[in-house]
C-alpha atoms as a PDB file:
ATOM      1  CA  MET A   1       2.104  -0.754  13.832  1.00  0.00           C
ATOM      2  CA  LEU A   2       5.403   0.793  12.883  1.00  0.00           C
ATOM      3  CA  GLY A   3       8.212  -1.459  11.732  1.00  0.00           C
ATOM      4  CA  ASN A   4      11.868  -1.751  12.520  1.00  0.00           C
ATOM      5  CA  GLY A   5      12.983   1.616  11.083  1.00  0.00           C
ATOM      6  CA  GLY A   6      14.393   4.005  13.661  1.00  0.00           C
ATOM      7  CA  GLY A   7      14.662   7.713  14.318  1.00  0.00           C
ATOM      8  CA  SER A   8      13.416  10.696  12.384  1.00  0.00           C
ATOM      9  CA  VAL A   9      13.925   9.039   8.965  1.00  0.00           C
ATOM     10  CA  SER A  10      11.402   6.411  10.045  1.00  0.00           C
ATOM     11  CA  GLU A  11       8.965   9.056  11.291  1.00  0.00           C
ATOM     12  CA  GLU A  12       9.303  11.049   8.049  1.00  0.00           C
ATOM     13  CA  ARG A  13       8.705   7.976   5.880  1.00  0.00           C
ATOM     14  CA  ILE A  14       5.632   7.013   7.918  1.00  0.00           C
ATOM     15  CA  ALA A  15       4.269  10.585   7.826  1.00  0.00           C
ATOM     16  CA  ARG A  16       4.718  10.599   4.043  1.00  0.00           C
ATOM     17  CA  LEU A  17       2.971   7.237   3.790  1.00  0.00           C
ATOM     18  CA  ASP A  18       0.061   8.401   5.978  1.00  0.00           C
ATOM     19  CA  SER A  19      -0.294  11.505   3.822  1.00  0.00           C
ATOM     20  CA  ALA A  20      -0.112   9.559   0.534  1.00  0.00           C
ATOM     21  CA  VAL A  21      -2.729   7.007   1.666  1.00  0.00           C
ATOM     22  CA  SER A  22      -5.059   9.741   2.923  1.00  0.00           C
ATOM     23  CA  GLU A  23      -4.732  11.735  -0.313  1.00  0.00           C
ATOM     24  CA  VAL A  24      -5.347   8.703  -2.545  1.00  0.00           C
ATOM     25  CA  PHE A  25      -8.487   7.708  -0.658  1.00  0.00           C
ATOM     26  CA  GLU A  26      -9.850  11.254  -0.497  1.00  0.00           C
ATOM     27  CA  MET A  27      -9.173  12.078  -4.161  1.00  0.00           C
ATOM     28  CA  MET A  28      -9.813   8.727  -5.855  1.00  0.00           C
ATOM     29  CA  LEU A  29     -12.360   6.989  -3.612  1.00  0.00           C
ATOM     30  CA  ASP A  30     -14.007  10.034  -1.983  1.00  0.00           C
ATOM     31  CA  ARG A  31     -13.429   8.401   1.411  1.00  0.00           C
ATOM     32  CA  SER A  32     -11.488   9.490   4.465  1.00  0.00           C
ATOM     33  CA  CYS A  33      -8.792   7.045   5.516  1.00  0.00           C
ATOM     34  CA  GLY A  34      -6.404   7.070   8.450  1.00  0.00           C
ATOM     35  CA  PRO A  35      -3.976   4.874  10.379  1.00  0.00           C
ATOM     36  CA  VAL A  36      -5.296   2.425  12.980  1.00  0.00           C
ATOM     37  CA  ASP A  37      -3.820  -0.109  15.370  1.00  0.00           C
ATOM     38  CA  ALA A  38      -4.819  -3.406  13.787  1.00  0.00           C
ATOM     39  CA  GLU A  39      -3.442  -6.575  12.272  1.00  0.00           C
ATOM     40  CA  ILE A  40      -4.292  -8.085   8.886  1.00  0.00           C
ATOM     41  CA  GLY A  41      -4.246 -11.877   8.587  1.00  0.00           C
ATOM     42  CA  ILE A  42      -2.284 -13.433   5.751  1.00  0.00           C
ATOM     43  CA  GLN A  43      -4.964 -15.903   4.693  1.00  0.00           C
ATOM     44  CA  GLU A  44      -7.446 -15.058   1.959  1.00  0.00           C
ATOM     45  CA  ARG A  45      -6.009 -11.694   1.145  1.00  0.00           C
ATOM     46  CA  ILE A  46      -5.181  -9.829  -2.017  1.00  0.00           C
ATOM     47  CA  THR A  47      -1.672  -8.389  -2.114  1.00  0.00           C
ATOM     48  CA  ALA A  48      -0.179  -5.907  -4.565  1.00  0.00           C
ATOM     49  CA  ARG A  49       3.548  -5.148  -4.802  1.00  0.00           C
ATOM     50  CA  ILE A  50       5.373  -2.195  -6.365  1.00  0.00           C
ATOM     51  CA  GLN A  51       9.170  -2.161  -6.499  1.00  0.00           C
ATOM     52  CA  PHE A  52      11.376   0.944  -6.262  1.00  0.00           C
ATOM     53  CA  SER A  53      14.775   0.967  -7.969  1.00  0.00           C
ATOM     54  CA  GLY A  54      17.340   3.746  -8.210  1.00  0.00           C
ATOM     55  CA  ALA A  55      18.250   6.152  -5.405  1.00  0.00           C
ATOM     56  CA  ILE A  56      15.868   4.104  -3.255  1.00  0.00           C
ATOM     57  CA  SER A  57      15.673   0.320  -3.549  1.00  0.00           C
ATOM     58  CA  GLY A  58      12.658  -1.238  -1.957  1.00  0.00           C
ATOM     59  CA  GLU A  59       9.074  -2.330  -2.180  1.00  0.00           C
ATOM     60  CA  CYS A  60       5.594  -1.194  -1.285  1.00  0.00           C
ATOM     61  CA  LEU A  61       2.946  -3.816  -0.483  1.00  0.00           C
ATOM     62  CA  VAL A  62      -0.757  -3.087  -0.139  1.00  0.00           C
ATOM     63  CA  TYR A  63      -2.813  -5.957   1.237  1.00  0.00           C
ATOM     64  CA  ALA A  64      -6.401  -6.515   2.277  1.00  0.00           C
ATOM     65  CA  SER A  65      -8.921  -9.253   2.855  1.00  0.00           C
ATOM     66  CA  GLN A  66     -10.984 -10.284  -0.152  1.00  0.00           C
ATOM     67  CA  THR A  67     -13.974  -8.408   1.294  1.00  0.00           C
ATOM     68  CA  VAL A  68     -12.112  -5.147   1.964  1.00  0.00           C
ATOM     69  CA  ALA A  69     -10.435  -5.348  -1.452  1.00  0.00           C
ATOM     70  CA  GLN A  70     -13.857  -5.739  -3.072  1.00  0.00           C
ATOM     71  CA  ILE A  71     -15.259  -2.740  -1.128  1.00  0.00           C
ATOM     72  CA  ALA A  72     -12.241  -0.616  -2.120  1.00  0.00           C
ATOM     73  CA  ALA A  73     -12.612  -1.691  -5.754  1.00  0.00           C
ATOM     74  CA  GLU A  74     -16.283  -0.737  -5.745  1.00  0.00           C
ATOM     75  CA  ALA A  75     -15.452   2.694  -4.271  1.00  0.00           C
ATOM     76  CA  LEU A  76     -12.660   3.244  -6.800  1.00  0.00           C
ATOM     77  CA  LEU A  77     -14.575   1.997  -9.838  1.00  0.00           C
ATOM     78  CA  GLY A  78     -18.053   3.145  -8.850  1.00  0.00           C
ATOM     79  CA  THR A  79     -19.553  -0.241  -9.723  1.00  0.00           C
ATOM     80  CA  VAL A  80     -20.471  -3.376  -7.802  1.00  0.00           C
ATOM     81  CA  SER A  81     -18.033  -6.242  -8.303  1.00  0.00           C
ATOM     82  CA  GLU A  82     -18.145  -9.957  -7.612  1.00  0.00           C
ATOM     83  CA  THR A  83     -15.673 -11.693  -5.286  1.00  0.00           C
ATOM     84  CA  CYS A  84     -13.606 -13.254  -8.086  1.00  0.00           C
ATOM     85  CA  ASP A  85     -13.905 -10.272 -10.448  1.00  0.00           C
ATOM     86  CA  PRO A  86     -10.461  -9.530 -11.970  1.00  0.00           C
ATOM     87  CA  MET A  87     -11.293  -5.831 -11.613  1.00  0.00           C
ATOM     88  CA  VAL A  88     -10.811  -6.253  -7.840  1.00  0.00           C
ATOM     89  CA  GLU A  89      -7.200  -7.293  -8.440  1.00  0.00           C
ATOM     90  CA  ASP A  90      -6.732  -4.411 -10.893  1.00  0.00           C
ATOM     91  CA  ALA A  91      -8.152  -1.947  -8.361  1.00  0.00           C
ATOM     92  CA  VAL A  92      -5.855  -3.162  -5.555  1.00  0.00           C
ATOM     93  CA  GLY A  93      -2.900  -2.940  -7.944  1.00  0.00           C
ATOM     94  CA  GLU A  94      -3.903   0.592  -8.898  1.00  0.00           C
ATOM     95  CA  LEU A  95      -4.282   1.586  -5.235  1.00  0.00           C
ATOM     96  CA  CYS A  96      -0.771   0.260  -4.598  1.00  0.00           C
ATOM     97  CA  ASN A  97       0.496   2.183  -7.619  1.00  0.00           C
ATOM     98  CA  MET A  98      -1.135   5.443  -6.465  1.00  0.00           C
ATOM     99  CA  ILE A  99       0.026   5.041  -2.856  1.00  0.00           C
ATOM    100  CA  ALA A 100       3.621   4.213  -3.892  1.00  0.00           C
ATOM    101  CA  GLY A 101       3.634   7.090  -6.388  1.00  0.00           C
ATOM    102  CA  GLY A 102       2.154   9.490  -3.844  1.00  0.00           C
ATOM    103  CA  TRP A 103       4.750   8.446  -1.275  1.00  0.00           C
ATOM    104  CA  LYS A 104       7.562   8.860  -3.826  1.00  0.00           C
ATOM    105  CA  SER A 105       6.302  12.341  -4.807  1.00  0.00           C
ATOM    106  CA  LYS A 106       6.826  13.471  -1.199  1.00  0.00           C
ATOM    107  CA  LEU A 107      10.530  12.519  -1.134  1.00  0.00           C
ATOM    108  CA  GLU A 108      13.414  14.928  -1.373  1.00  0.00           C
ATOM    109  CA  SER A 109      14.478  15.368  -5.007  1.00  0.00           C
ATOM    110  CA  SER A 110      17.696  13.352  -4.500  1.00  0.00           C
ATOM    111  CA  GLU A 111      15.739  10.395  -3.080  1.00  0.00           C
ATOM    112  CA  ALA A 112      12.943  10.612  -5.645  1.00  0.00           C
ATOM    113  CA  VAL A 113      15.273   9.625  -8.509  1.00  0.00           C
ATOM    114  CA  CYS A 114      13.948   6.092  -8.706  1.00  0.00           C
ATOM    115  CA  LEU A 115      11.700   4.053 -10.925  1.00  0.00           C
ATOM    116  CA  ILE A 116       8.483   2.362  -9.849  1.00  0.00           C
ATOM    117  CA  SER A 117       7.517  -1.014 -11.308  1.00  0.00           C
ATOM    118  CA  VAL A 118       4.065  -2.000 -12.442  1.00  0.00           C
ATOM    119  CA  PRO A 119       2.105  -3.696  -9.670  1.00  0.00           C
ATOM    120  CA  ALA A 120       2.197  -7.464  -9.225  1.00  0.00           C
ATOM    121  CA  VAL A 121      -1.010  -8.772  -7.635  1.00  0.00           C
ATOM    122  CA  THR A 122      -1.893 -12.120  -6.086  1.00  0.00           C
ATOM    123  CA  ARG A 123      -4.976 -13.442  -4.320  1.00  0.00           C
ATOM    124  CA  ASP A 124      -3.186 -15.986  -2.155  1.00  0.00           C
ATOM    125  CA  GLY A 125      -1.237 -13.571   0.014  1.00  0.00           C
ATOM    126  CA  ALA A 126       2.014 -15.137  -1.186  1.00  0.00           C
ATOM    127  CA  LEU A 127       3.750 -11.861  -2.100  1.00  0.00           C
ATOM    128  CA  GLU A 128       6.142 -11.370   0.782  1.00  0.00           C
ATOM    129  CA  PHE A 129       9.263  -9.269   1.042  1.00  0.00           C
ATOM    130  CA  GLN A 130      12.541 -10.418  -0.321  1.00  0.00           C
ATOM    131  CA  ASP A 131      15.230 -11.193   2.270  1.00  0.00           C
ATOM    132  CA  GLU A 132      17.578  -8.370   1.261  1.00  0.00           C
ATOM    133  CA  PHE A 133      15.392  -5.662   2.811  1.00  0.00           C
ATOM    134  CA  GLY A 134      16.733  -4.601   6.183  1.00  0.00           C
ATOM    135  CA  THR A 135      14.273  -1.836   7.087  1.00  0.00           C
ATOM    136  CA  SER A 136      10.504  -2.127   6.904  1.00  0.00           C
ATOM    137  CA  TYR A 137       7.538  -0.082   8.024  1.00  0.00           C
ATOM    138  CA  HIS A 138       4.138  -1.688   8.554  1.00  0.00           C
ATOM    139  CA  ARG A 139       0.988   0.352   8.885  1.00  0.00           C
ATOM    140  CA  CYS A 140      -2.729  -0.457   8.891  1.00  0.00           C
ATOM    141  CA  TYR A 141      -5.382   1.974   7.698  1.00  0.00           C
ATOM    142  CA  SER A 142      -9.158   2.134   7.921  1.00  0.00           C
ATOM    143  CA  PHE A 143     -11.758   3.638   5.615  1.00  0.00           C
ATOM    144  CA  GLN A 144     -15.343   3.372   6.865  1.00  0.00           C
ATOM    145  CA  GLY A 145     -14.301   0.570   9.242  1.00  0.00           C
ATOM    146  CA  ASN A 146     -12.568  -1.434   6.484  1.00  0.00           C
ATOM    147  CA  VAL A 147      -8.957  -2.182   7.415  1.00  0.00           C
ATOM    148  CA  PHE A 148      -6.088  -2.823   5.007  1.00  0.00           C
ATOM    149  CA  GLY A 149      -2.301  -2.813   5.370  1.00  0.00           C
ATOM    150  CA  VAL A 150       0.626  -1.117   3.708  1.00  0.00           C
ATOM    151  CA  THR A 151       4.256  -2.106   4.153  1.00  0.00           C
ATOM    152  CA  LEU A 152       7.338  -0.305   2.865  1.00  0.00           C
ATOM    153  CA  ALA A 153      10.667  -2.135   2.864  1.00  0.00           C
ATOM    154  CA  PHE A 154      14.120  -0.852   1.909  1.00  0.00           C
ATOM    155  CA  GLN A 155      17.672  -2.070   1.568  1.00  0.00           C
END
Protein backbone atom coordinates (compact mmCIF):
# COMPACT_ATOMS: atom_id res chain seq x y z
CA MET A 1 0.00 0.00 0.00
CA LEU A 2 1.37 3.38 -0.95
CA GLY A 3 0.73 6.31 1.34
CA ASN A 4 -0.40 9.86 0.86
CA GLY A 5 2.62 11.11 -1.13
CA GLY A 6 1.80 12.20 -4.66
CA GLY A 7 3.40 12.36 -8.08
CA SER A 8 6.81 11.33 -9.29
CA VAL A 9 8.57 12.24 -6.01
CA SER A 10 6.39 9.63 -4.31
CA GLU A 11 7.15 7.05 -7.00
CA GLU A 12 10.89 7.74 -6.78
CA ARG A 13 10.91 7.42 -2.98
CA ILE A 14 8.98 4.14 -3.15
CA ALA A 15 11.26 2.77 -5.91
CA ARG A 16 14.28 3.66 -3.76
CA LEU A 17 12.69 1.97 -0.76
CA ASP A 18 11.86 -1.18 -2.76
CA SER A 19 15.44 -1.30 -4.01
CA ALA A 20 16.95 -0.73 -0.54
CA VAL A 21 14.79 -3.44 1.07
CA SER A 22 15.57 -5.92 -1.71
CA GLU A 23 19.32 -5.23 -1.48
CA VAL A 24 19.41 -5.57 2.32
CA PHE A 25 17.59 -8.90 2.26
CA GLU A 26 19.65 -10.29 -0.62
CA MET A 27 23.03 -9.20 0.78
CA MET A 28 22.50 -9.62 4.53
CA LEU A 29 19.91 -12.40 4.83
CA ASP A 30 20.51 -14.24 1.54
CA ARG A 31 16.77 -14.05 0.86
CA SER A 32 14.76 -12.48 -1.93
CA CYS A 33 12.24 -9.91 -0.74
CA GLY A 34 9.67 -7.88 -2.63
CA PRO A 35 6.62 -5.68 -2.14
CA VAL A 36 3.21 -7.27 -1.56
CA ASP A 37 -0.33 -6.07 -0.98
CA ALA A 38 -0.88 -6.85 2.68
CA GLU A 39 -1.63 -5.29 6.04
CA ILE A 40 0.30 -5.73 9.28
CA GLY A 41 -1.67 -5.63 12.53
CA ILE A 42 -0.46 -3.34 15.29
CA GLN A 43 -0.80 -5.87 18.11
CA GLU A 44 2.13 -8.02 19.18
CA ARG A 45 4.61 -6.52 16.81
CA ILE A 46 8.18 -5.34 17.06
CA THR A 47 8.78 -1.86 15.69
CA ALA A 48 12.07 -0.11 14.98
CA ARG A 49 12.37 3.62 14.23
CA ILE A 50 15.18 5.59 12.60
CA GLN A 51 14.97 9.38 12.38
CA PHE A 52 16.38 11.52 9.56
CA SER A 53 17.47 15.10 10.28
CA GLY A 54 19.05 17.65 7.97
CA ALA A 55 18.10 18.22 4.33
CA ILE A 56 15.39 15.62 4.93
CA SER A 57 13.44 15.48 8.19
CA GLY A 58 11.52 12.31 8.75
CA GLU A 59 11.39 8.79 10.03
CA CYS A 60 11.64 5.22 8.84
CA LEU A 61 9.71 2.51 10.70
CA VAL A 62 10.19 -1.21 10.18
CA TYR A 63 7.59 -3.39 11.86
CA ALA A 64 6.75 -7.07 11.98
CA SER A 65 4.92 -9.63 14.05
CA GLN A 66 6.93 -11.32 16.78
CA THR A 67 7.13 -14.47 14.63
CA VAL A 68 8.31 -12.72 11.46
CA ALA A 69 10.81 -10.66 13.48
CA GLN A 70 12.20 -13.87 14.98
CA ILE A 71 12.50 -15.50 11.52
CA ALA A 72 14.26 -12.40 10.15
CA ALA A 73 16.61 -12.35 13.15
CA GLU A 74 17.49 -16.00 12.63
CA ALA A 75 18.22 -15.37 8.93
CA LEU A 76 20.33 -12.30 9.74
CA LEU A 77 22.23 -13.85 12.65
CA GLY A 78 22.42 -17.42 11.40
CA THR A 79 21.29 -18.79 14.76
CA VAL A 80 17.99 -19.90 16.27
CA SER A 81 16.51 -17.41 18.71
CA GLU A 82 13.80 -17.57 21.34
CA THR A 83 10.68 -15.38 21.23
CA CYS A 84 11.85 -12.99 23.97
CA ASP A 85 15.52 -13.03 22.93
CA PRO A 86 16.87 -9.44 22.95
CA MET A 87 18.81 -10.33 19.80
CA VAL A 88 15.47 -10.29 17.93
CA GLU A 89 15.03 -6.62 18.86
CA ASP A 90 18.64 -5.89 17.90
CA ALA A 91 18.16 -7.61 14.54
CA VAL A 92 14.98 -5.65 13.74
CA GLY A 93 16.77 -2.44 14.72
CA GLU A 94 19.69 -3.35 12.47
CA LEU A 95 17.34 -4.15 9.58
CA CYS A 96 15.74 -0.73 10.03
CA ASN A 97 19.19 0.87 10.12
CA MET A 98 20.30 -0.91 6.92
CA ILE A 99 17.04 -0.17 5.08
CA ALA A 100 17.07 3.53 6.09
CA GLY A 101 20.77 3.81 5.20
CA GLY A 102 20.24 2.03 1.88
CA TRP A 103 17.32 4.32 1.06
CA LYS A 104 19.37 7.40 1.99
CA SER A 105 22.30 6.24 -0.18
CA LYS A 106 20.00 6.34 -3.22
CA LEU A 107 19.06 10.02 -2.75
CA GLU A 108 20.39 12.89 -4.78
CA SER A 109 23.49 14.37 -3.12
CA SER A 110 21.62 17.52 -2.01
CA GLU A 111 18.92 15.43 -0.28
CA ALA A 112 21.38 12.95 1.23
CA VAL A 113 22.90 15.60 3.52
CA CYS A 114 21.12 14.33 6.60
CA LEU A 115 21.93 12.36 9.70
CA ILE A 116 20.37 9.06 10.69
CA SER A 117 19.67 8.29 14.35
CA VAL A 118 20.32 5.00 16.05
CA PRO A 119 17.27 2.74 15.97
CA ALA A 120 14.71 2.80 18.77
CA VAL A 121 12.96 -0.56 19.15
CA THR A 122 9.83 -1.59 21.04
CA ARG A 123 7.92 -4.85 21.32
CA ASP A 124 4.52 -3.31 22.00
CA GLY A 125 4.00 -1.64 18.65
CA ALA A 126 3.77 1.74 20.38
CA LEU A 127 6.25 3.55 18.12
CA GLU A 128 4.00 5.59 15.88
CA PHE A 129 4.73 8.64 13.79
CA GLN A 130 4.86 12.07 15.28
CA ASP A 131 2.08 14.44 14.21
CA GLU A 132 4.32 16.87 12.33
CA PHE A 133 4.84 14.50 9.39
CA GLY A 134 2.62 15.44 6.49
CA THR A 135 3.72 12.87 3.89
CA SER A 136 4.04 9.15 4.51
CA TYR A 137 4.59 6.06 2.42
CA HIS A 138 3.54 2.64 3.66
CA ARG A 139 4.74 -0.54 2.04
CA CYS A 140 4.60 -4.23 2.96
CA TYR A 141 7.22 -6.74 1.87
CA SER A 142 7.47 -10.52 1.88
CA PHE A 143 10.45 -12.85 2.18
CA GLN A 144 9.61 -16.55 1.94
CA GLY A 145 5.96 -15.77 2.77
CA ASN A 146 6.87 -13.72 5.86
CA VAL A 147 5.35 -10.24 5.67
CA PHE A 148 6.67 -7.10 7.38
CA GLY A 149 6.04 -3.38 6.88
CA VAL A 150 8.10 -0.29 6.25
CA THR A 151 6.84 3.27 6.54
CA LEU A 152 8.65 6.46 5.59
CA ALA A 153 7.28 9.78 6.84
CA PHE A 154 8.49 13.32 6.10
CA GLN A 155 7.73 16.89 7.03
